[in-house]
Amino acid sequence: MNPTRCKKSAAQWSGDLAVWLRENSETNDLQMERLRRNLRRARQQELTSRQRQMVELYFDQGLNMTQIGCRLGVHRSTVSRTLQRAKARLRRALCYSF
């Protein structure tokens, strides 16, 4: 048997591994549901009302930062800072959810 014929490239090994992992891994539905539940709770308990309002407009309603700024009468940079702080608070609150 030709030894070069049995060698697989790194891409082939990676592809085989990806297929094996997909076929043999458990679904993470329970973990995702727990994370969603904790995210809803954290949005209510950890964020200020202004942060909640901007998170809802940005993530739930799909408005961009300029549109949010116009709607709320603030500058786009204020929206950006507020969303950054909200995401940081949520990250800290959810870091133990995983």
Foldseek 3Di string as FASTA:
>chain_A
DDPVVPDDDPVVVVVVVVVVCVVPPDDCVVLVVLLVVQLVVCLVPQADPVLNVLCCCCPVVPDQLCVVCVVVVHDSVVSVVSPVVSVVRSCVSCVPSD
